[in-house]
Protein backbone atom coordinates (compact mmCIF):
# COMPACT_ATOMS: atom_id res chain seq x y z
CA MET A 1 17.90 59.11 -56.90
CA LEU A 2 18.68 58.40 -53.28
CA TRP A 3 17.73 54.88 -53.19
CA GLU A 4 16.62 52.19 -55.31
CA ILE A 5 13.27 50.31 -54.26
CA SER A 6 13.36 46.71 -55.04
CA ASN A 7 10.39 44.48 -54.11
CA LEU A 8 7.61 42.17 -55.59
CA SER A 9 5.16 45.04 -55.95
CA ASN A 10 6.93 46.34 -59.27
CA ASN A 11 9.28 48.50 -57.16
CA LYS A 12 6.30 50.57 -55.66
CA ILE A 13 5.75 51.11 -52.07
CA ALA A 14 2.01 50.24 -51.15
CA VAL A 15 0.52 51.84 -47.87
CA VAL A 16 -1.36 49.33 -45.81
CA GLY A 17 -3.37 50.21 -42.70
CA HIS A 18 -2.46 48.00 -39.55
CA GLY A 19 -5.91 47.09 -38.02
CA GLY A 20 -7.19 50.11 -39.71
CA MET A 21 -5.31 53.40 -38.64
CA GLY A 22 -2.97 51.61 -36.32
CA SER A 23 -2.56 51.59 -32.40
CA LYS A 24 -2.04 55.05 -32.00
CA HIS A 25 -5.04 56.47 -33.72
CA ARG A 26 -8.11 57.82 -32.17
CA TYR A 27 -10.25 54.72 -33.25
CA PRO A 28 -9.69 51.25 -31.72
CA MET A 29 -7.73 48.74 -34.14
CA ASN A 30 -9.95 46.63 -36.06
CA SER A 31 -13.31 48.74 -35.39
CA PHE A 32 -15.41 49.87 -38.15
CA SER A 33 -14.38 53.38 -37.82
CA SER A 34 -10.60 52.62 -37.94
CA LEU A 35 -10.84 50.40 -40.95
CA MET A 36 -13.25 52.80 -42.98
CA TYR A 37 -10.97 55.89 -41.94
CA SER A 38 -7.86 54.09 -43.45
CA VAL A 39 -9.69 53.22 -46.53
CA ASP A 40 -11.12 56.79 -46.93
CA ALA A 41 -7.40 58.01 -46.40
CA GLY A 42 -6.60 56.05 -49.59
CA VAL A 43 -4.46 53.13 -48.30
CA GLN A 44 -3.78 50.05 -50.93
CA GLY A 45 -4.78 47.53 -48.16
CA VAL A 46 -5.70 47.14 -44.62
CA GLU A 47 -4.34 44.28 -42.18
CA MET A 48 -6.89 42.81 -39.99
CA ASP A 49 -6.79 40.40 -37.00
CA LEU A 50 -9.31 37.62 -37.26
CA ARG A 51 -10.60 35.51 -34.43
CA MET A 52 -13.02 32.81 -34.35
CA SER A 53 -15.83 32.74 -31.76
CA ALA A 54 -17.25 29.61 -29.96
CA ASP A 55 -19.99 29.34 -32.62
CA SER A 56 -17.37 29.59 -35.35
CA VAL A 57 -17.92 32.92 -36.36
CA LEU A 58 -15.09 35.16 -37.80
CA VAL A 59 -14.69 38.26 -35.69
CA LEU A 60 -12.39 41.47 -36.01
CA TYR A 61 -10.49 41.66 -32.83
CA HIS A 62 -6.84 42.45 -31.98
CA ASN A 63 -6.15 41.67 -28.25
CA GLU A 64 -6.62 38.33 -26.43
CA THR A 65 -9.09 39.35 -24.01
CA LEU A 66 -12.40 41.18 -24.67
CA GLU A 67 -12.01 43.08 -21.16
CA SER A 68 -8.84 44.82 -22.26
CA MET A 69 -10.36 46.82 -24.88
CA THR A 70 -14.34 46.39 -24.37
CA ASN A 71 -17.03 45.96 -21.85
CA GLY A 72 -16.99 42.27 -22.57
CA LYS A 73 -15.42 39.45 -20.73
CA GLY A 74 -13.20 36.57 -21.75
CA THR A 75 -11.83 35.70 -25.17
CA ILE A 76 -13.54 35.75 -28.50
CA ARG A 77 -13.24 31.91 -28.59
CA GLU A 78 -15.06 31.56 -25.33
CA ASN A 79 -18.03 33.51 -26.31
CA ASN A 80 -20.69 33.16 -29.00
CA TRP A 81 -21.33 36.01 -31.62
CA GLU A 82 -24.59 36.89 -30.00
CA THR A 83 -22.60 37.79 -26.93
CA ILE A 84 -19.45 39.35 -28.70
CA SER A 85 -21.65 41.43 -31.01
CA THR A 86 -23.00 43.61 -27.78
CA CYS A 87 -19.35 44.17 -26.63
CA LYS A 88 -18.59 48.10 -26.97
CA TYR A 89 -15.05 49.51 -27.15
CA ARG A 90 -13.99 51.48 -23.99
CA ASP A 91 -12.31 54.27 -26.04
CA LEU A 92 -13.20 57.84 -25.15
CA PHE A 93 -13.07 58.96 -28.88
CA SER A 94 -14.85 56.22 -30.61
CA GLY A 95 -18.39 56.64 -29.14
CA GLU A 96 -20.58 53.82 -30.04
CA GLU A 97 -18.15 51.49 -31.47
CA TYR A 98 -18.77 47.65 -31.09
CA VAL A 99 -16.79 44.63 -32.39
CA ILE A 100 -17.51 43.65 -35.74
CA ARG A 101 -17.41 40.86 -38.14
CA PRO A 102 -15.25 41.09 -41.31
CA GLN A 103 -18.28 41.06 -43.63
CA THR A 104 -19.45 44.37 -42.04
CA PHE A 105 -16.49 46.19 -43.18
CA ILE A 106 -16.09 44.33 -46.64
CA THR A 107 -19.79 45.00 -47.32
CA ALA A 108 -19.37 48.78 -46.54
CA VAL A 109 -16.15 48.98 -48.86
CA LYS A 110 -18.03 47.27 -51.67
CA THR A 111 -20.91 49.70 -51.42
CA GLN A 112 -18.88 52.70 -51.03
CA THR A 113 -19.04 54.68 -54.10
CA VAL A 114 -16.23 57.19 -53.57
CA PHE A 115 -12.75 56.49 -51.84
């Protein structure tokens, strides 16, 4: 053996998606497609960035401002969910990809029958 693994996971390495498939993937981080793609790829976990809206709704979004990645304006905490839910990612590959709540992803994973 070239090296020994010593960690809290019974000496196993777990693959965890960073915001889904990471910042260099075709889908934006924390988007539904990026998160589901990582699950379909067989990762053991997914790291997600959570922010709270002005009306106390948890939202999956990585950057500080909406305009950095979407057609929205301001920060998550300055906007209500009703406004945030209409924010579409400005990514050439993602098509119709909107900012989502964590429940959207969790429900999809729970109802998925084959990984």
